[in-house]
Amino acid sequence: MKLHLSRSPGINLITSHGERFVTINHVRHDTHLVVTPERVVPGWAAGFDALTTDGFAALAALGPKIVLLGTGQRQRFPAPALLRPLIEAGVSVEPMDLPAACRTYNILALENRAVIAALLLD
């Protein structure tokens, strides 16, 4: 699905997504990744079943207020123990399917919110 956005130079925005890919500022990515308004970090996780506490600690270290966890084509919920680093840092975690995470990320990024989208493409 293509997303139509307002122009906002200097901010990473998700311009489209589909099965097993997302495009950020019109650059296609085929691997799990983290998107912030300032940077794109590929290879954040090996997949939903491989999520770790250390992976979520790395997200907390980036200083977000909100983490949108895009869990692929269907919404899935990680074990609460995995989210401990984010919870202890006072970061809100919102698991949702990939399309919802992409749409929500764009809205929050354009509002200059401290948001991270951790996107799993499987």
N, C-alpha and C. Protein backbone atom coordinates (compact mmCIF):
# COMPACT_ATOMS: atom_id res chain seq x y z
N MET A 1 0.84 -1.17 0.00
CA MET A 1 0.00 0.00 0.00
C MET A 1 0.89 1.24 0.00
N LYS A 2 0.56 2.20 -0.84
CA LYS A 2 1.28 3.47 -0.84
C LYS A 2 0.60 4.39 0.15
N LEU A 3 1.41 5.16 0.86
CA LEU A 3 0.91 6.15 1.79
C LEU A 3 1.18 7.52 1.22
N HIS A 4 0.23 8.42 1.30
CA HIS A 4 0.41 9.78 0.80
C HIS A 4 0.64 10.69 2.00
N LEU A 5 1.75 11.42 1.95
CA LEU A 5 2.18 12.19 3.10
C LEU A 5 2.39 13.65 2.76
N SER A 6 2.36 14.46 3.80
CA SER A 6 2.80 15.84 3.67
C SER A 6 4.31 15.82 3.50
N ARG A 7 4.83 16.79 2.84
CA ARG A 7 6.29 16.90 2.71
C ARG A 7 6.87 17.39 4.04
N SER A 8 7.90 16.72 4.48
CA SER A 8 8.57 17.10 5.71
C SER A 8 10.03 16.74 5.58
N PRO A 9 10.84 17.64 5.02
CA PRO A 9 12.24 17.32 4.78
C PRO A 9 12.99 17.00 6.07
N GLY A 10 13.88 16.02 5.96
CA GLY A 10 14.73 15.67 7.10
C GLY A 10 14.13 14.66 8.05
N ILE A 11 12.90 14.23 7.83
CA ILE A 11 12.26 13.24 8.71
C ILE A 11 12.07 11.95 7.93
N ASN A 12 12.43 10.84 8.54
CA ASN A 12 12.15 9.54 7.92
C ASN A 12 10.67 9.26 8.01
N LEU A 13 10.06 9.04 6.86
CA LEU A 13 8.65 8.68 6.80
C LEU A 13 8.50 7.41 5.97
N ILE A 14 7.53 6.60 6.34
CA ILE A 14 7.26 5.36 5.62
C ILE A 14 6.36 5.70 4.44
N THR A 15 6.89 5.49 3.23
CA THR A 15 6.16 5.90 2.03
C THR A 15 5.33 4.79 1.41
N SER A 16 5.63 3.54 1.77
CA SER A 16 4.78 2.42 1.35
C SER A 16 5.18 1.18 2.15
N HIS A 17 4.33 0.19 2.08
CA HIS A 17 4.63 -1.09 2.73
C HIS A 17 3.86 -2.18 2.00
N GLY A 18 4.32 -3.38 2.18
CA GLY A 18 3.65 -4.53 1.58
C GLY A 18 4.11 -5.78 2.30
N GLU A 19 3.80 -6.91 1.72
CA GLU A 19 4.20 -8.16 2.34
C GLU A 19 5.72 -8.29 2.29
N ARG A 20 6.34 -8.24 3.46
CA ARG A 20 7.78 -8.44 3.65
C ARG A 20 8.66 -7.28 3.16
N PHE A 21 8.11 -6.06 3.09
CA PHE A 21 8.94 -4.89 2.78
C PHE A 21 8.27 -3.62 3.31
N VAL A 22 9.11 -2.61 3.50
CA VAL A 22 8.64 -1.24 3.73
C VAL A 22 9.57 -0.33 2.93
N THR A 23 9.05 0.83 2.53
CA THR A 23 9.90 1.83 1.93
C THR A 23 9.90 3.05 2.83
N ILE A 24 11.08 3.59 3.05
CA ILE A 24 11.25 4.76 3.88
C ILE A 24 11.87 5.83 3.01
N ASN A 25 11.15 6.93 2.88
CA ASN A 25 11.58 8.01 1.97
C ASN A 25 11.91 7.44 0.59
N HIS A 26 11.06 6.52 0.13
CA HIS A 26 11.14 5.90 -1.20
C HIS A 26 12.31 4.94 -1.37
N VAL A 27 12.94 4.51 -0.28
CA VAL A 27 14.01 3.51 -0.33
C VAL A 27 13.45 2.21 0.25
N ARG A 28 13.50 1.14 -0.53
CA ARG A 28 12.93 -0.13 -0.11
C ARG A 28 13.84 -0.86 0.89
N HIS A 29 13.20 -1.44 1.91
CA HIS A 29 13.90 -2.25 2.92
C HIS A 29 13.19 -3.59 3.02
N ASP A 30 13.97 -4.68 2.95
CA ASP A 30 13.41 -6.03 2.98
C ASP A 30 13.83 -6.80 4.22
N THR A 31 14.25 -6.10 5.26
CA THR A 31 14.70 -6.74 6.49
C THR A 31 14.03 -6.05 7.68
N HIS A 32 13.95 -6.76 8.79
CA HIS A 32 13.42 -6.17 10.01
C HIS A 32 14.25 -4.94 10.35
N LEU A 33 13.62 -3.87 10.82
CA LEU A 33 14.36 -2.65 11.07
C LEU A 33 13.68 -1.76 12.09
N VAL A 34 14.44 -0.79 12.54
CA VAL A 34 13.95 0.25 13.44
C VAL A 34 13.99 1.56 12.66
N VAL A 35 12.90 2.31 12.77
CA VAL A 35 12.81 3.61 12.11
C VAL A 35 12.56 4.67 13.18
N THR A 36 13.38 5.70 13.16
CA THR A 36 13.14 6.89 13.98
C THR A 36 13.04 8.06 13.01
N PRO A 37 12.58 9.19 13.46
CA PRO A 37 12.55 10.34 12.55
C PRO A 37 13.94 10.70 12.01
N GLU A 38 15.00 10.34 12.75
CA GLU A 38 16.35 10.71 12.35
C GLU A 38 17.15 9.61 11.66
N ARG A 39 16.80 8.35 11.90
CA ARG A 39 17.64 7.28 11.34
C ARG A 39 16.85 6.00 11.09
N VAL A 40 17.49 5.13 10.29
CA VAL A 40 16.96 3.80 9.99
C VAL A 40 18.03 2.82 10.40
N VAL A 41 17.64 1.82 11.21
CA VAL A 41 18.59 0.83 11.71
C VAL A 41 18.11 -0.56 11.27
N PRO A 42 18.72 -1.12 10.21
CA PRO A 42 18.31 -2.46 9.75
C PRO A 42 18.84 -3.54 10.69
N GLY A 43 18.19 -4.69 10.66
CA GLY A 43 18.67 -5.85 11.40
C GLY A 43 18.43 -5.81 12.89
N TRP A 44 17.42 -5.09 13.34
CA TRP A 44 17.14 -4.97 14.77
C TRP A 44 16.85 -6.32 15.42
N ALA A 45 16.13 -7.17 14.75
CA ALA A 45 15.76 -8.48 15.30
C ALA A 45 15.77 -9.50 14.17
N ALA A 46 15.82 -10.77 14.55
CA ALA A 46 15.79 -11.84 13.55
C ALA A 46 14.37 -12.29 13.25
N GLY A 47 13.38 -11.74 13.94
CA GLY A 47 11.98 -12.10 13.75
C GLY A 47 11.26 -12.09 15.08
N PHE A 48 9.95 -12.26 15.03
CA PHE A 48 9.13 -12.18 16.24
C PHE A 48 9.56 -13.22 17.28
N ASP A 49 9.77 -14.44 16.85
CA ASP A 49 10.13 -15.50 17.79
C ASP A 49 11.54 -15.35 18.35
N ALA A 50 12.33 -14.45 17.79
CA ALA A 50 13.70 -14.23 18.25
C ALA A 50 13.85 -12.92 19.05
N LEU A 51 12.74 -12.28 19.41
CA LEU A 51 12.82 -11.05 20.19
C LEU A 51 13.49 -11.32 21.53
N THR A 52 14.30 -10.34 21.98
CA THR A 52 15.04 -10.50 23.23
C THR A 52 14.92 -9.25 24.09
N THR A 53 15.18 -9.43 25.37
CA THR A 53 15.23 -8.30 26.29
C THR A 53 16.30 -7.31 25.83
N ASP A 54 17.44 -7.81 25.38
CA ASP A 54 18.52 -6.93 24.91
C ASP A 54 18.07 -6.07 23.72
N GLY A 55 17.28 -6.64 22.85
CA GLY A 55 16.76 -5.87 21.71
C GLY A 55 15.88 -4.73 22.17
N PHE A 56 15.03 -4.98 23.16
CA PHE A 56 14.18 -3.92 23.68
C PHE A 56 14.99 -2.92 24.49
N ALA A 57 16.05 -3.37 25.16
CA ALA A 57 16.94 -2.44 25.87
C ALA A 57 17.61 -1.49 24.88
N ALA A 58 17.98 -2.00 23.72
CA ALA A 58 18.58 -1.15 22.69
C ALA A 58 17.60 -0.08 22.22
N LEU A 59 16.31 -0.44 22.13
CA LEU A 59 15.30 0.56 21.77
C LEU A 59 15.17 1.61 22.86
N ALA A 60 15.14 1.18 24.11
CA ALA A 60 15.03 2.12 25.23
C ALA A 60 16.19 3.10 25.24
N ALA A 61 17.38 2.64 24.87
CA ALA A 61 18.57 3.49 24.86
C ALA A 61 18.47 4.61 23.83
N LEU A 62 17.59 4.47 22.85
CA LEU A 62 17.42 5.52 21.84
C LEU A 62 16.58 6.69 22.36
N GLY A 63 15.97 6.53 23.54
CA GLY A 63 15.25 7.62 24.17
C GLY A 63 13.85 7.94 23.68
N PRO A 64 13.09 6.95 23.21
CA PRO A 64 11.74 7.26 22.75
C PRO A 64 10.76 7.42 23.91
N LYS A 65 9.63 8.00 23.62
CA LYS A 65 8.49 8.00 24.55
C LYS A 65 7.51 6.90 24.16
N ILE A 66 7.51 6.55 22.86
CA ILE A 66 6.59 5.55 22.32
C ILE A 66 7.35 4.62 21.38
N VAL A 67 7.14 3.31 21.55
CA VAL A 67 7.65 2.33 20.60
C VAL A 67 6.46 1.63 19.97
N LEU A 68 6.38 1.71 18.66
CA LEU A 68 5.36 1.00 17.90
C LEU A 68 6.01 -0.28 17.40
N LEU A 69 5.52 -1.41 17.88
CA LEU A 69 6.06 -2.71 17.49
C LEU A 69 5.19 -3.29 16.39
N GLY A 70 5.66 -3.17 15.15
CA GLY A 70 4.94 -3.74 14.01
C GLY A 70 5.28 -5.21 13.90
N THR A 71 4.29 -6.07 14.12
CA THR A 71 4.54 -7.51 14.25
C THR A 71 4.22 -8.30 12.98
N GLY A 72 4.33 -7.66 11.83
CA GLY A 72 4.06 -8.37 10.58
C GLY A 72 2.62 -8.20 10.14
N GLN A 73 2.12 -9.14 9.40
CA GLN A 73 0.79 -9.02 8.81
C GLN A 73 -0.35 -9.26 9.81
N ARG A 74 0.00 -9.72 11.02
CA ARG A 74 -1.02 -9.85 12.06
C ARG A 74 -0.45 -9.35 13.38
N GLN A 75 -1.32 -8.89 14.22
CA GLN A 75 -0.90 -8.37 15.51
C GLN A 75 -0.55 -9.53 16.44
N ARG A 76 0.63 -9.43 17.05
CA ARG A 76 1.08 -10.42 18.02
C ARG A 76 1.63 -9.67 19.23
N PHE A 77 1.63 -10.33 20.37
CA PHE A 77 2.08 -9.70 21.59
C PHE A 77 3.29 -10.44 22.15
N PRO A 78 4.41 -9.73 22.35
CA PRO A 78 5.58 -10.38 22.94
C PRO A 78 5.34 -10.67 24.42
N ALA A 79 6.10 -11.59 24.96
CA ALA A 79 6.01 -11.90 26.39
C ALA A 79 6.31 -10.63 27.19
N PRO A 80 5.52 -10.34 28.21
CA PRO A 80 5.74 -9.12 28.99
C PRO A 80 7.15 -9.00 29.57
N ALA A 81 7.78 -10.09 29.92
CA ALA A 81 9.14 -10.03 30.47
C ALA A 81 10.13 -9.42 29.48
N LEU A 82 9.90 -9.62 28.19
CA LEU A 82 10.79 -9.06 27.18
C LEU A 82 10.74 -7.53 27.16
N LEU A 83 9.60 -6.98 27.54
CA LEU A 83 9.38 -5.54 27.46
C LEU A 83 9.91 -4.78 28.68
N ARG A 84 10.43 -5.50 29.66
CA ARG A 84 10.87 -4.88 30.92
C ARG A 84 11.77 -3.66 30.73
N PRO A 85 12.77 -3.68 29.83
CA PRO A 85 13.62 -2.49 29.67
C PRO A 85 12.82 -1.24 29.27
N LEU A 86 11.82 -1.42 28.43
CA LEU A 86 11.01 -0.27 28.02
C LEU A 86 10.08 0.18 29.14
N ILE A 87 9.49 -0.78 29.82
CA ILE A 87 8.59 -0.44 30.92
C ILE A 87 9.34 0.29 32.02
N GLU A 88 10.52 -0.20 32.36
CA GLU A 88 11.32 0.44 33.41
C GLU A 88 11.77 1.84 33.00
N ALA A 89 11.91 2.10 31.71
CA ALA A 89 12.30 3.42 31.21
C ALA A 89 11.10 4.35 31.03
N GLY A 90 9.90 3.83 31.31
CA GLY A 90 8.69 4.65 31.16
C GLY A 90 8.26 4.86 29.73
N VAL A 91 8.63 3.92 28.86
CA VAL A 91 8.30 4.01 27.44
C VAL A 91 7.04 3.21 27.15
N SER A 92 6.11 3.82 26.46
CA SER A 92 4.89 3.14 26.04
C SER A 92 5.21 2.21 24.87
N VAL A 93 4.70 0.98 24.92
CA VAL A 93 4.91 0.00 23.85
C VAL A 93 3.54 -0.37 23.28
N GLU A 94 3.41 -0.25 21.97
CA GLU A 94 2.15 -0.54 21.30
C GLU A 94 2.35 -1.58 20.21
N PRO A 95 2.09 -2.86 20.50
CA PRO A 95 2.16 -3.88 19.44
C PRO A 95 0.97 -3.73 18.49
N MET A 96 1.25 -3.81 17.21
CA MET A 96 0.19 -3.72 16.20
C MET A 96 0.69 -4.37 14.92
N ASP A 97 -0.23 -4.63 14.00
CA ASP A 97 0.22 -5.20 12.74
C ASP A 97 1.04 -4.16 11.97
N LEU A 98 1.77 -4.63 10.98
CA LEU A 98 2.68 -3.75 10.24
C LEU A 98 1.97 -2.56 9.60
N PRO A 99 0.84 -2.74 8.89
CA PRO A 99 0.19 -1.57 8.29
C PRO A 99 -0.20 -0.51 9.33
N ALA A 100 -0.74 -0.92 10.46
CA ALA A 100 -1.12 0.04 11.50
C ALA A 100 0.11 0.73 12.08
N ALA A 101 1.20 0.00 12.28
CA ALA A 101 2.42 0.60 12.81
C ALA A 101 2.97 1.65 11.84
N CYS A 102 2.94 1.37 10.55
CA CYS A 102 3.44 2.32 9.55
C CYS A 102 2.61 3.60 9.56
N ARG A 103 1.30 3.47 9.55
CA ARG A 103 0.43 4.65 9.54
C ARG A 103 0.61 5.47 10.82
N THR A 104 0.62 4.79 11.96
CA THR A 104 0.73 5.48 13.24
C THR A 104 2.08 6.16 13.39
N TYR A 105 3.14 5.48 12.97
CA TYR A 105 4.47 6.08 13.02
C TYR A 105 4.50 7.41 12.26
N ASN A 106 3.99 7.41 11.03
CA ASN A 106 4.02 8.63 10.22
C ASN A 106 3.29 9.79 10.91
N ILE A 107 2.15 9.50 11.47
CA ILE A 107 1.38 10.55 12.15
C ILE A 107 2.18 11.11 13.33
N LEU A 108 2.72 10.23 14.16
CA LEU A 108 3.46 10.68 15.34
C LEU A 108 4.76 11.37 14.97
N ALA A 109 5.46 10.88 13.95
CA ALA A 109 6.70 11.52 13.52
C ALA A 109 6.42 12.92 13.00
N LEU A 110 5.34 13.10 12.24
CA LEU A 110 4.99 14.42 11.72
C LEU A 110 4.56 15.37 12.83
N GLU A 111 4.13 14.83 13.97
CA GLU A 111 3.80 15.66 15.14
C GLU A 111 5.03 15.94 16.00
N ASN A 112 6.21 15.54 15.52
CA ASN A 112 7.47 15.72 16.25
C ASN A 112 7.49 15.00 17.60
N ARG A 113 6.84 13.84 17.65
CA ARG A 113 6.84 13.03 18.86
C ARG A 113 8.09 12.15 18.89
N ALA A 114 8.52 11.77 20.08
CA ALA A 114 9.68 10.89 20.25
C ALA A 114 9.21 9.45 20.04
N VAL A 115 9.13 9.04 18.79
CA VAL A 115 8.56 7.74 18.41
C VAL A 115 9.60 6.90 17.68
N ILE A 116 9.49 5.60 17.91
CA ILE A 116 10.29 4.60 17.19
C ILE A 116 9.31 3.57 16.65
N ALA A 117 9.54 3.16 15.40
CA ALA A 117 8.81 2.01 14.85
C ALA A 117 9.80 0.87 14.72
N ALA A 118 9.56 -0.20 15.47
CA ALA A 118 10.35 -1.43 15.37
C ALA A 118 9.52 -2.37 14.51
N LEU A 119 9.96 -2.58 13.27
CA LEU A 119 9.13 -3.26 12.28
C LEU A 119 9.67 -4.65 11.97
N LEU A 120 8.81 -5.64 12.19
CA LEU A 120 9.10 -7.02 11.83
C LEU A 120 8.31 -7.32 10.57
N LEU A 121 8.98 -7.80 9.56
CA LEU A 121 8.34 -7.94 8.26
C LEU A 121 7.79 -9.33 7.98
N ASP A 122 7.90 -10.26 8.95
CA ASP A 122 7.39 -11.61 8.70
C ASP A 122 6.00 -11.79 9.25
